[in-house]
Amino acid sequence: MEENWSMFVGNKENQKLLTSFEFEPGKVEKGYTDRRLYINLSENKIEEKPIDLQVKETFTGGRGYGIWYLWDAVSSNTKWNDSENEIIFCTGPICGVTQYSGTGKAHIVTLSPETGTVNDNNVGGYLAPFLKFSGWDLLEIQGKAKEDVIIFIDGNKGKVIIEEVSGINSDTYLLIKKLTERYTDDEKDKRNLSIVSSKGEFRP
């Protein structure tokens, strides 16, 4: 079966836009922006939320922030594939500082499909620094999309969009190539993509 890649190359205007959100890139002060980007895929809702003062006074950032907001989002009965579960990408106060190695990591917090309990891990690369430079201490994603979607955060233009896609190959090597062609304008932007494979899908 031939994959439906045509929508990604030269046909941006034909992509189905579900919702968009404009924001002012936040200023990083002493390592924090005190803002979180909340996205609900069930409701196609995007909004800015503050980092609660109690959270900031209790945790330095990263994993602590993620566990706090996951705790707020779920109950003792929430399963990993329930729409209440969240996947939270968290940054710390020295995220993106070039003087120290390892500062570019993002902590990812969610309910684990393997254990059913809280799981956190981390990922390197450009995701966390560019999330921070766009003005967000963390990205909070909740809900279930009806179809496969792409979340695109444009930190330069201050815009977030959710677009619906269908019939797309979930092979991450192929997908990142096509997404690179679609969402980047030049070579320097080709490093700004993060992909979740089919193993990250919600399944009943």
N, C-alpha and C. Protein backbone atom coordinates (compact mmCIF):
# COMPACT_ATOMS: atom_id res chain seq x y z
N MET A 1 0.84 -1.19 0.00
CA MET A 1 0.00 0.00 0.00
C MET A 1 0.88 1.24 0.00
N GLU A 2 0.61 2.14 -0.94
CA GLU A 2 1.41 3.35 -1.04
C GLU A 2 1.05 4.31 0.07
N GLU A 3 2.06 4.87 0.71
CA GLU A 3 1.81 5.78 1.81
C GLU A 3 1.38 7.14 1.29
N ASN A 4 0.51 7.79 2.03
CA ASN A 4 -0.02 9.09 1.63
C ASN A 4 0.90 10.20 2.12
N TRP A 5 1.98 10.45 1.36
CA TRP A 5 2.95 11.48 1.75
C TRP A 5 2.66 12.81 1.07
N SER A 6 1.76 12.85 0.09
CA SER A 6 1.61 14.04 -0.74
C SER A 6 1.25 15.28 0.05
N MET A 7 0.53 15.10 1.16
CA MET A 7 0.09 16.26 1.93
C MET A 7 1.27 16.99 2.58
N PHE A 8 2.41 16.32 2.68
CA PHE A 8 3.53 16.92 3.37
C PHE A 8 4.45 17.73 2.47
N VAL A 9 4.41 17.48 1.18
CA VAL A 9 5.38 18.12 0.30
C VAL A 9 4.66 19.11 -0.62
N GLY A 10 4.80 20.40 -0.32
CA GLY A 10 4.25 21.43 -1.18
C GLY A 10 2.75 21.62 -1.06
N ASN A 11 2.11 20.99 -0.08
CA ASN A 11 0.66 21.10 0.05
C ASN A 11 0.25 21.49 1.46
N LYS A 12 0.96 22.41 2.05
CA LYS A 12 0.66 22.80 3.42
C LYS A 12 -0.76 23.32 3.56
N GLU A 13 -1.24 24.02 2.53
CA GLU A 13 -2.57 24.63 2.61
C GLU A 13 -3.67 23.58 2.62
N ASN A 14 -3.37 22.34 2.20
CA ASN A 14 -4.38 21.29 2.14
C ASN A 14 -4.46 20.46 3.42
N GLN A 15 -3.53 20.70 4.34
CA GLN A 15 -3.55 19.95 5.59
C GLN A 15 -4.72 20.41 6.46
N LYS A 16 -5.36 19.48 7.16
CA LYS A 16 -6.51 19.82 7.98
C LYS A 16 -6.05 20.40 9.31
N LEU A 17 -6.27 21.68 9.49
CA LEU A 17 -5.91 22.36 10.73
C LEU A 17 -7.04 22.19 11.74
N LEU A 18 -6.73 21.60 12.88
CA LEU A 18 -7.75 21.39 13.92
C LEU A 18 -7.87 22.59 14.84
N THR A 19 -6.74 23.16 15.20
CA THR A 19 -6.76 24.36 16.05
C THR A 19 -5.39 25.00 16.03
N SER A 20 -5.35 26.27 16.42
CA SER A 20 -4.07 26.98 16.52
C SER A 20 -4.12 27.91 17.73
N PHE A 21 -2.95 28.30 18.17
CA PHE A 21 -2.82 29.13 19.37
C PHE A 21 -1.60 30.02 19.21
N GLU A 22 -1.78 31.31 19.43
CA GLU A 22 -0.67 32.24 19.32
C GLU A 22 -0.22 32.68 20.71
N PHE A 23 1.08 32.87 20.86
CA PHE A 23 1.61 33.25 22.16
C PHE A 23 2.79 34.19 22.00
N GLU A 24 3.05 34.93 23.04
CA GLU A 24 4.24 35.77 23.10
C GLU A 24 5.37 34.94 23.69
N PRO A 25 6.46 34.75 22.95
CA PRO A 25 7.58 33.99 23.53
C PRO A 25 7.99 34.58 24.87
N GLY A 26 8.02 33.75 25.89
CA GLY A 26 8.28 34.23 27.25
C GLY A 26 9.76 34.49 27.49
N LYS A 27 10.04 35.40 28.38
CA LYS A 27 11.41 35.72 28.73
C LYS A 27 11.88 34.78 29.84
N VAL A 28 13.06 34.22 29.67
CA VAL A 28 13.63 33.34 30.68
C VAL A 28 14.36 34.20 31.71
N GLU A 29 13.90 34.13 32.96
CA GLU A 29 14.51 34.89 34.04
C GLU A 29 14.98 33.94 35.13
N LYS A 30 16.28 33.95 35.37
CA LYS A 30 16.90 33.06 36.36
C LYS A 30 16.55 31.60 36.10
N GLY A 31 16.45 31.26 34.83
CA GLY A 31 16.22 29.88 34.43
C GLY A 31 14.77 29.47 34.26
N TYR A 32 13.84 30.37 34.53
CA TYR A 32 12.43 30.02 34.48
C TYR A 32 11.63 31.00 33.61
N THR A 33 10.56 30.48 33.01
CA THR A 33 9.58 31.33 32.34
C THR A 33 8.28 31.38 33.13
N ASP A 34 8.11 30.42 34.05
CA ASP A 34 6.91 30.32 34.89
C ASP A 34 5.64 30.11 34.08
N ARG A 35 5.78 29.46 32.92
CA ARG A 35 4.63 29.15 32.08
C ARG A 35 4.70 27.70 31.63
N ARG A 36 3.53 27.11 31.44
CA ARG A 36 3.45 25.76 30.86
C ARG A 36 2.46 25.78 29.71
N LEU A 37 2.78 25.01 28.69
CA LEU A 37 1.92 24.90 27.52
C LEU A 37 1.06 23.66 27.67
N TYR A 38 -0.26 23.85 27.74
CA TYR A 38 -1.19 22.74 27.95
C TYR A 38 -1.93 22.46 26.64
N ILE A 39 -1.93 21.19 26.24
CA ILE A 39 -2.62 20.76 25.02
C ILE A 39 -3.52 19.59 25.36
N ASN A 40 -4.81 19.69 25.01
CA ASN A 40 -5.75 18.60 25.20
C ASN A 40 -6.18 18.10 23.82
N LEU A 41 -5.79 16.89 23.48
CA LEU A 41 -6.05 16.35 22.15
C LEU A 41 -7.48 15.86 21.98
N SER A 42 -8.17 15.56 23.08
CA SER A 42 -9.58 15.17 22.99
C SER A 42 -10.44 16.36 22.59
N GLU A 43 -10.08 17.53 23.09
CA GLU A 43 -10.88 18.74 22.88
C GLU A 43 -10.25 19.69 21.87
N ASN A 44 -9.10 19.33 21.33
CA ASN A 44 -8.36 20.23 20.43
C ASN A 44 -8.19 21.61 21.07
N LYS A 45 -7.72 21.59 22.28
CA LYS A 45 -7.57 22.83 23.05
C LYS A 45 -6.10 23.07 23.36
N ILE A 46 -5.68 24.31 23.18
CA ILE A 46 -4.31 24.73 23.52
C ILE A 46 -4.41 25.97 24.38
N GLU A 47 -3.71 25.98 25.50
CA GLU A 47 -3.75 27.17 26.34
C GLU A 47 -2.48 27.32 27.16
N GLU A 48 -2.26 28.53 27.59
CA GLU A 48 -1.14 28.84 28.48
C GLU A 48 -1.61 28.75 29.93
N LYS A 49 -0.81 28.10 30.76
CA LYS A 49 -1.11 28.01 32.18
C LYS A 49 0.14 28.42 32.96
N PRO A 50 -0.06 28.96 34.16
CA PRO A 50 1.11 29.35 34.96
C PRO A 50 1.71 28.16 35.70
N ILE A 51 2.97 28.28 36.03
CA ILE A 51 3.59 27.36 36.98
C ILE A 51 3.21 27.85 38.37
N ASP A 52 2.52 27.00 39.13
CA ASP A 52 2.06 27.42 40.45
C ASP A 52 3.25 27.73 41.36
N LEU A 53 3.09 28.77 42.17
CA LEU A 53 4.17 29.20 43.05
C LEU A 53 4.61 28.08 43.99
N GLN A 54 3.64 27.31 44.49
CA GLN A 54 3.98 26.22 45.40
C GLN A 54 4.86 25.17 44.72
N VAL A 55 4.60 24.93 43.44
CA VAL A 55 5.41 23.97 42.68
C VAL A 55 6.85 24.47 42.57
N LYS A 56 6.99 25.75 42.25
CA LYS A 56 8.32 26.33 42.08
C LYS A 56 9.09 26.37 43.40
N GLU A 57 8.37 26.59 44.49
CA GLU A 57 9.03 26.64 45.80
C GLU A 57 9.40 25.25 46.30
N THR A 58 8.72 24.21 45.79
CA THR A 58 8.95 22.84 46.25
C THR A 58 10.00 22.12 45.42
N PHE A 59 9.99 22.37 44.11
CA PHE A 59 10.89 21.64 43.20
C PHE A 59 11.75 22.61 42.40
N THR A 60 12.91 22.13 42.02
CA THR A 60 13.81 22.93 41.19
C THR A 60 13.32 23.01 39.75
N GLY A 61 12.66 21.96 39.30
CA GLY A 61 12.18 21.89 37.92
C GLY A 61 12.19 20.45 37.48
N GLY A 62 12.16 20.22 36.18
CA GLY A 62 12.29 18.88 35.63
C GLY A 62 11.29 17.88 36.17
N ARG A 63 11.80 16.77 36.68
CA ARG A 63 10.97 15.65 37.13
C ARG A 63 9.94 16.08 38.18
N GLY A 64 10.34 16.91 39.12
CA GLY A 64 9.41 17.34 40.17
C GLY A 64 8.21 18.06 39.62
N TYR A 65 8.44 18.96 38.66
CA TYR A 65 7.33 19.66 38.01
C TYR A 65 6.39 18.65 37.35
N GLY A 66 6.98 17.70 36.62
CA GLY A 66 6.17 16.74 35.88
C GLY A 66 5.33 15.86 36.79
N ILE A 67 5.92 15.37 37.86
CA ILE A 67 5.19 14.51 38.79
C ILE A 67 4.05 15.28 39.46
N TRP A 68 4.30 16.54 39.80
CA TRP A 68 3.26 17.36 40.44
C TRP A 68 2.04 17.49 39.53
N TYR A 69 2.26 17.88 38.28
CA TYR A 69 1.13 18.12 37.38
C TYR A 69 0.48 16.83 36.91
N LEU A 70 1.23 15.74 36.84
CA LEU A 70 0.62 14.45 36.56
C LEU A 70 -0.29 14.04 37.71
N TRP A 71 0.16 14.25 38.93
CA TRP A 71 -0.65 13.96 40.12
C TRP A 71 -1.96 14.73 40.08
N ASP A 72 -1.90 15.99 39.67
CA ASP A 72 -3.11 16.81 39.57
C ASP A 72 -4.06 16.30 38.50
N ALA A 73 -3.51 15.70 37.44
CA ALA A 73 -4.33 15.33 36.29
C ALA A 73 -5.04 14.00 36.44
N VAL A 74 -4.44 13.06 37.18
CA VAL A 74 -4.97 11.70 37.24
C VAL A 74 -5.53 11.39 38.62
N SER A 75 -6.23 10.26 38.69
CA SER A 75 -6.73 9.75 39.97
C SER A 75 -6.14 8.37 40.21
N SER A 76 -6.49 7.77 41.33
CA SER A 76 -5.98 6.43 41.64
C SER A 76 -6.52 5.38 40.68
N ASN A 77 -7.60 5.71 39.97
CA ASN A 77 -8.21 4.76 39.03
C ASN A 77 -7.76 4.95 37.59
N THR A 78 -6.99 5.99 37.32
CA THR A 78 -6.59 6.29 35.95
C THR A 78 -5.61 5.24 35.42
N LYS A 79 -5.93 4.72 34.23
CA LYS A 79 -5.04 3.78 33.55
C LYS A 79 -4.15 4.55 32.57
N TRP A 80 -3.09 3.88 32.14
CA TRP A 80 -2.14 4.56 31.26
C TRP A 80 -2.77 5.02 29.94
N ASN A 81 -3.80 4.27 29.45
CA ASN A 81 -4.41 4.63 28.18
C ASN A 81 -5.73 5.37 28.33
N ASP A 82 -6.02 5.88 29.53
CA ASP A 82 -7.18 6.74 29.73
C ASP A 82 -6.86 8.15 29.24
N SER A 83 -7.89 8.86 28.85
CA SER A 83 -7.68 10.22 28.33
C SER A 83 -7.20 11.18 29.40
N GLU A 84 -7.39 10.82 30.68
CA GLU A 84 -6.92 11.70 31.76
C GLU A 84 -5.40 11.67 31.90
N ASN A 85 -4.80 10.58 31.48
CA ASN A 85 -3.34 10.49 31.61
C ASN A 85 -2.68 11.58 30.78
N GLU A 86 -1.54 12.03 31.23
CA GLU A 86 -0.80 13.05 30.51
C GLU A 86 0.61 12.55 30.20
N ILE A 87 1.18 13.11 29.18
CA ILE A 87 2.61 12.98 28.95
C ILE A 87 3.18 14.38 29.04
N ILE A 88 4.13 14.55 29.94
CA ILE A 88 4.62 15.89 30.29
C ILE A 88 6.12 15.97 29.99
N PHE A 89 6.49 16.95 29.20
CA PHE A 89 7.89 17.21 28.87
C PHE A 89 8.36 18.39 29.71
N CYS A 90 9.35 18.16 30.56
CA CYS A 90 9.75 19.16 31.56
C CYS A 90 11.18 19.61 31.35
N THR A 91 11.43 20.89 31.63
CA THR A 91 12.78 21.43 31.58
C THR A 91 13.20 21.89 32.97
N GLY A 92 14.49 22.12 33.13
CA GLY A 92 15.02 22.64 34.38
C GLY A 92 15.59 24.03 34.20
N PRO A 93 16.04 24.66 35.28
CA PRO A 93 16.48 26.06 35.21
C PRO A 93 17.78 26.28 34.46
N ILE A 94 18.61 25.25 34.27
CA ILE A 94 19.83 25.45 33.49
C ILE A 94 19.73 24.79 32.12
N CYS A 95 18.51 24.53 31.71
CA CYS A 95 18.28 23.91 30.40
C CYS A 95 18.82 24.81 29.29
N GLY A 96 19.67 24.25 28.45
CA GLY A 96 20.20 25.00 27.32
C GLY A 96 21.45 25.80 27.61
N VAL A 97 21.91 25.79 28.87
CA VAL A 97 23.15 26.48 29.20
C VAL A 97 24.32 25.70 28.61
N THR A 98 25.12 26.35 27.81
CA THR A 98 26.16 25.62 27.07
C THR A 98 27.44 25.37 27.88
N GLN A 99 27.56 25.98 29.05
CA GLN A 99 28.77 25.78 29.85
C GLN A 99 28.86 24.40 30.48
N TYR A 100 27.73 23.70 30.58
CA TYR A 100 27.71 22.40 31.25
C TYR A 100 27.11 21.35 30.33
N SER A 101 27.67 20.16 30.36
CA SER A 101 27.13 19.07 29.55
C SER A 101 25.87 18.51 30.19
N GLY A 102 24.98 18.01 29.37
CA GLY A 102 23.77 17.36 29.88
C GLY A 102 22.63 18.30 30.21
N THR A 103 22.80 19.61 29.98
CA THR A 103 21.74 20.55 30.36
C THR A 103 20.61 20.60 29.34
N GLY A 104 20.77 19.91 28.22
CA GLY A 104 19.74 19.95 27.19
C GLY A 104 18.68 18.87 27.34
N LYS A 105 18.68 18.15 28.42
CA LYS A 105 17.75 17.03 28.56
C LYS A 105 16.37 17.48 29.02
N ALA A 106 15.36 16.80 28.50
CA ALA A 106 13.97 16.98 28.94
C ALA A 106 13.56 15.75 29.73
N HIS A 107 12.92 15.97 30.87
CA HIS A 107 12.32 14.86 31.61
C HIS A 107 10.91 14.64 31.08
N ILE A 108 10.56 13.37 30.90
CA ILE A 108 9.24 13.01 30.40
C ILE A 108 8.55 12.17 31.46
N VAL A 109 7.37 12.62 31.89
CA VAL A 109 6.65 11.98 32.99
C VAL A 109 5.26 11.56 32.49
N THR A 110 4.86 10.32 32.81
CA THR A 110 3.55 9.82 32.42
C THR A 110 3.26 8.57 33.23
N LEU A 111 2.05 8.02 33.08
CA LEU A 111 1.74 6.70 33.65
C LEU A 111 2.24 5.63 32.68
N SER A 112 2.99 4.69 33.19
CA SER A 112 3.63 3.68 32.36
C SER A 112 2.65 2.60 31.92
N PRO A 113 2.64 2.22 30.63
CA PRO A 113 1.82 1.09 30.18
C PRO A 113 2.33 -0.24 30.71
N GLU A 114 3.58 -0.29 31.11
CA GLU A 114 4.17 -1.54 31.60
C GLU A 114 3.82 -1.80 33.06
N THR A 115 3.88 -0.76 33.89
CA THR A 115 3.66 -0.93 35.33
C THR A 115 2.36 -0.31 35.82
N GLY A 116 1.80 0.63 35.05
CA GLY A 116 0.60 1.33 35.49
C GLY A 116 0.87 2.42 36.51
N THR A 117 2.13 2.60 36.86
CA THR A 117 2.50 3.63 37.83
C THR A 117 3.28 4.74 37.13
N VAL A 118 3.69 5.73 37.92
CA VAL A 118 4.41 6.87 37.36
C VAL A 118 5.75 6.43 36.79
N ASN A 119 6.03 6.88 35.60
CA ASN A 119 7.32 6.61 34.97
C ASN A 119 7.92 7.92 34.49
N ASP A 120 9.21 8.08 34.70
CA ASP A 120 9.88 9.25 34.13
C ASP A 120 11.15 8.81 33.44
N ASN A 121 11.45 9.51 32.38
CA ASN A 121 12.66 9.23 31.62
C ASN A 121 13.16 10.54 31.07
N ASN A 122 14.24 10.51 30.33
CA ASN A 122 14.74 11.76 29.77
C ASN A 122 15.24 11.56 28.36
N VAL A 123 15.27 12.65 27.63
CA VAL A 123 15.71 12.63 26.24
C VAL A 123 16.60 13.84 26.01
N GLY A 124 17.66 13.64 25.22
CA GLY A 124 18.57 14.74 24.93
C GLY A 124 18.19 15.46 23.65
N GLY A 125 19.16 16.10 23.04
CA GLY A 125 18.91 16.81 21.79
C GLY A 125 18.46 18.24 22.02
N TYR A 126 17.67 18.74 21.06
CA TYR A 126 17.27 20.14 21.07
C TYR A 126 15.88 20.39 21.64
N LEU A 127 15.13 19.33 21.92
CA LEU A 127 13.74 19.50 22.35
C LEU A 127 13.61 20.40 23.56
N ALA A 128 14.31 20.08 24.64
CA ALA A 128 14.16 20.84 25.88
C ALA A 128 14.65 22.28 25.75
N PRO A 129 15.86 22.53 25.22
CA PRO A 129 16.28 23.92 25.08
C PRO A 129 15.35 24.76 24.22
N PHE A 130 14.88 24.21 23.11
CA PHE A 130 14.02 25.00 22.25
C PHE A 130 12.64 25.20 22.86
N LEU A 131 12.19 24.24 23.66
CA LEU A 131 10.95 24.45 24.40
C LEU A 131 11.12 25.60 25.39
N LYS A 132 12.24 25.61 26.08
CA LYS A 132 12.53 26.69 27.03
C LYS A 132 12.68 28.03 26.32
N PHE A 133 13.43 28.05 25.22
CA PHE A 133 13.66 29.29 24.49
C PHE A 133 12.37 29.82 23.86
N SER A 134 11.40 28.93 23.62
CA SER A 134 10.10 29.36 23.12
C SER A 134 9.25 29.98 24.22
N GLY A 135 9.69 29.81 25.47
CA GLY A 135 8.99 30.46 26.57
C GLY A 135 8.22 29.54 27.48
N TRP A 136 8.56 28.23 27.48
CA TRP A 136 7.79 27.27 28.27
C TRP A 136 8.70 26.46 29.18
N ASP A 137 8.30 26.35 30.44
CA ASP A 137 9.02 25.47 31.37
C ASP A 137 8.65 24.02 31.17
N LEU A 138 7.42 23.78 30.69
CA LEU A 138 7.03 22.40 30.39
C LEU A 138 5.90 22.36 29.38
N LEU A 139 5.79 21.22 28.73
CA LEU A 139 4.72 20.93 27.77
C LEU A 139 3.88 19.80 28.33
N GLU A 140 2.59 20.03 28.44
CA GLU A 140 1.65 19.11 29.08
C GLU A 140 0.62 18.66 28.05
N ILE A 141 0.63 17.37 27.69
CA ILE A 141 -0.29 16.86 26.67
C ILE A 141 -1.24 15.86 27.31
N GLN A 142 -2.53 16.08 27.12
CA GLN A 142 -3.57 15.24 27.70
C GLN A 142 -4.58 14.88 26.63
N GLY A 143 -5.34 13.81 26.85
CA GLY A 143 -6.42 13.46 25.95
C GLY A 143 -6.03 12.49 24.85
N LYS A 144 -7.03 12.12 24.05
CA LYS A 144 -6.83 11.21 22.93
C LYS A 144 -7.34 11.87 21.66
N ALA A 145 -6.50 11.92 20.66
CA ALA A 145 -6.92 12.44 19.36
C ALA A 145 -7.77 11.39 18.64
N LYS A 146 -8.76 11.85 17.87
CA LYS A 146 -9.60 10.93 17.12
C LYS A 146 -8.83 10.30 15.96
N GLU A 147 -7.92 11.06 15.38
CA GLU A 147 -7.06 10.58 14.31
C GLU A 147 -5.62 10.93 14.67
N ASP A 148 -4.68 10.42 13.89
CA ASP A 148 -3.28 10.81 14.10
C ASP A 148 -3.14 12.31 13.90
N VAL A 149 -2.36 12.94 14.75
CA VAL A 149 -2.18 14.39 14.66
C VAL A 149 -0.70 14.74 14.77
N ILE A 150 -0.40 15.94 14.33
CA ILE A 150 0.91 16.55 14.50
C ILE A 150 0.74 17.80 15.35
N ILE A 151 1.57 17.94 16.37
CA ILE A 151 1.64 19.17 17.16
C ILE A 151 2.89 19.91 16.71
N PHE A 152 2.71 21.13 16.23
CA PHE A 152 3.84 21.92 15.75
C PHE A 152 3.95 23.19 16.58
N ILE A 153 5.09 23.35 17.27
CA ILE A 153 5.34 24.52 18.09
C ILE A 153 6.38 25.38 17.38
N ASP A 154 5.98 26.56 16.96
CA ASP A 154 6.88 27.49 16.28
C ASP A 154 7.29 28.57 17.26
N GLY A 155 8.46 28.39 17.88
CA GLY A 155 8.91 29.34 18.88
C GLY A 155 9.33 30.67 18.31
N ASN A 156 9.69 30.71 17.02
CA ASN A 156 10.09 31.96 16.40
C ASN A 156 8.89 32.86 16.11
N LYS A 157 7.81 32.25 15.64
CA LYS A 157 6.62 33.02 15.29
C LYS A 157 5.59 33.07 16.42
N GLY A 158 5.83 32.30 17.49
CA GLY A 158 4.89 32.30 18.60
C GLY A 158 3.56 31.67 18.24
N LYS A 159 3.60 30.46 17.72
CA LYS A 159 2.37 29.81 17.29
C LYS A 159 2.45 28.31 17.52
N VAL A 160 1.33 27.73 17.97
CA VAL A 160 1.20 26.28 18.13
C VAL A 160 0.02 25.83 17.29
N ILE A 161 0.18 24.75 16.54
CA ILE A 161 -0.93 24.23 15.76
C ILE A 161 -1.06 22.73 15.98
N ILE A 162 -2.30 22.25 15.84
CA ILE A 162 -2.57 20.81 15.81
C ILE A 162 -3.17 20.51 14.45
N GLU A 163 -2.54 19.60 13.71
CA GLU A 163 -3.01 19.22 12.39
C GLU A 163 -3.33 17.73 12.36
N GLU A 164 -4.38 17.39 11.63
CA GLU A 164 -4.79 15.99 11.51
C GLU A 164 -4.14 15.36 10.29
N VAL A 165 -3.64 14.14 10.47
CA VAL A 165 -3.07 13.39 9.36
C VAL A 165 -3.68 11.99 9.37
N SER A 166 -3.63 11.33 8.23
CA SER A 166 -4.14 9.95 8.16
C SER A 166 -3.34 9.19 7.11
N GLY A 167 -3.25 7.88 7.30
CA GLY A 167 -2.57 7.04 6.33
C GLY A 167 -1.07 7.26 6.26
N ILE A 168 -0.50 7.75 7.37
CA ILE A 168 0.92 8.07 7.37
C ILE A 168 1.72 6.93 8.00
N ASN A 169 2.81 6.57 7.37
CA ASN A 169 3.69 5.53 7.88
C ASN A 169 4.28 5.96 9.21
N SER A 170 4.16 5.12 10.24
CA SER A 170 4.68 5.48 11.56
C SER A 170 6.14 5.10 11.75
N ASP A 171 6.79 4.61 10.68
CA ASP A 171 8.23 4.37 10.75
C ASP A 171 8.92 5.71 10.99
N THR A 172 9.60 5.83 12.13
CA THR A 172 10.12 7.13 12.53
C THR A 172 11.17 7.67 11.57
N TYR A 173 11.93 6.80 10.93
CA TYR A 173 12.97 7.26 10.01
C TYR A 173 12.35 7.91 8.78
N LEU A 174 11.29 7.30 8.25
CA LEU A 174 10.61 7.88 7.10
C LEU A 174 9.83 9.12 7.50
N LEU A 175 9.18 9.05 8.65
CA LEU A 175 8.33 10.15 9.07
C LEU A 175 9.12 11.42 9.32
N ILE A 176 10.26 11.30 9.99
CA ILE A 176 11.02 12.51 10.30
C ILE A 176 11.55 13.17 9.03
N LYS A 177 11.83 12.38 8.01
CA LYS A 177 12.27 12.95 6.74
C LYS A 177 11.17 13.80 6.12
N LYS A 178 9.95 13.27 6.13
CA LYS A 178 8.84 14.01 5.53
C LYS A 178 8.45 15.23 6.37
N LEU A 179 8.49 15.07 7.68
CA LEU A 179 8.17 16.21 8.54
C LEU A 179 9.21 17.31 8.40
N THR A 180 10.46 16.90 8.21
CA THR A 180 11.52 17.89 8.01
C THR A 180 11.25 18.70 6.75
N GLU A 181 10.86 18.03 5.68
CA GLU A 181 10.55 18.73 4.43
C GLU A 181 9.37 19.68 4.60
N ARG A 182 8.43 19.27 5.43
CA ARG A 182 7.21 20.06 5.57
C ARG A 182 7.38 21.28 6.46
N TYR A 183 8.08 21.12 7.58
CA TYR A 183 8.05 22.16 8.61
C TYR A 183 9.32 23.00 8.71
N THR A 184 10.32 22.73 7.91
CA THR A 184 11.54 23.53 8.02
C THR A 184 11.73 24.39 6.78
N ASP A 185 12.33 25.56 7.00
CA ASP A 185 12.58 26.49 5.91
C ASP A 185 14.03 26.46 5.45
N ASP A 186 14.94 26.02 6.32
CA ASP A 186 16.35 25.98 5.96
C ASP A 186 17.05 24.89 6.76
N GLU A 187 18.34 24.74 6.52
CA GLU A 187 19.10 23.66 7.13
C GLU A 187 19.13 23.72 8.65
N LYS A 188 19.24 24.91 9.22
CA LYS A 188 19.39 25.02 10.67
C LYS A 188 18.14 24.57 11.41
N ASP A 189 16.99 24.58 10.73
CA ASP A 189 15.75 24.17 11.39
C ASP A 189 15.55 22.66 11.37
N LYS A 190 16.38 21.92 10.67
CA LYS A 190 16.17 20.49 10.52
C LYS A 190 16.50 19.67 11.75
N ARG A 191 16.92 20.33 12.82
CA ARG A 191 17.26 19.62 14.05
C ARG A 191 16.17 19.74 15.10
N ASN A 192 15.04 20.35 14.78
CA ASN A 192 14.06 20.73 15.79
C ASN A 192 12.87 19.79 15.89
N LEU A 193 13.00 18.56 15.43
CA LEU A 193 11.86 17.65 15.38
C LEU A 193 12.00 16.53 16.40
N SER A 194 10.87 16.17 17.03
CA SER A 194 10.82 15.03 17.93
C SER A 194 9.71 14.10 17.47
N ILE A 195 9.99 12.80 17.44
CA ILE A 195 9.05 11.81 16.93
C ILE A 195 8.76 10.77 18.00
N VAL A 196 7.48 10.41 18.14
CA VAL A 196 7.09 9.28 18.98
C VAL A 196 6.64 8.17 18.05
N SER A 197 7.19 6.98 18.20
CA SER A 197 6.86 5.88 17.31
C SER A 197 5.51 5.28 17.67
N SER A 198 5.12 4.24 16.93
CA SER A 198 3.83 3.58 17.18
C SER A 198 3.76 2.97 18.56
N LYS A 199 4.90 2.72 19.20
CA LYS A 199 4.90 2.18 20.56
C LYS A 199 4.35 3.19 21.55
N GLY A 200 4.31 4.45 21.15
CA GLY A 200 3.80 5.48 22.05
C GLY A 200 2.32 5.76 21.85
N GLU A 201 1.64 4.99 21.01
CA GLU A 201 0.23 5.23 20.76
C GLU A 201 -0.63 4.75 21.92
N PHE A 202 -1.75 5.47 22.15
CA PHE A 202 -2.76 4.98 23.09
C PHE A 202 -3.50 3.83 22.44
N ARG A 203 -3.60 2.72 23.13
CA ARG A 203 -4.37 1.59 22.61
C ARG A 203 -5.24 1.03 23.74
N PRO A 204 -6.50 0.69 23.44
CA PRO A 204 -7.39 0.15 24.49
C PRO A 204 -6.95 -1.24 24.92
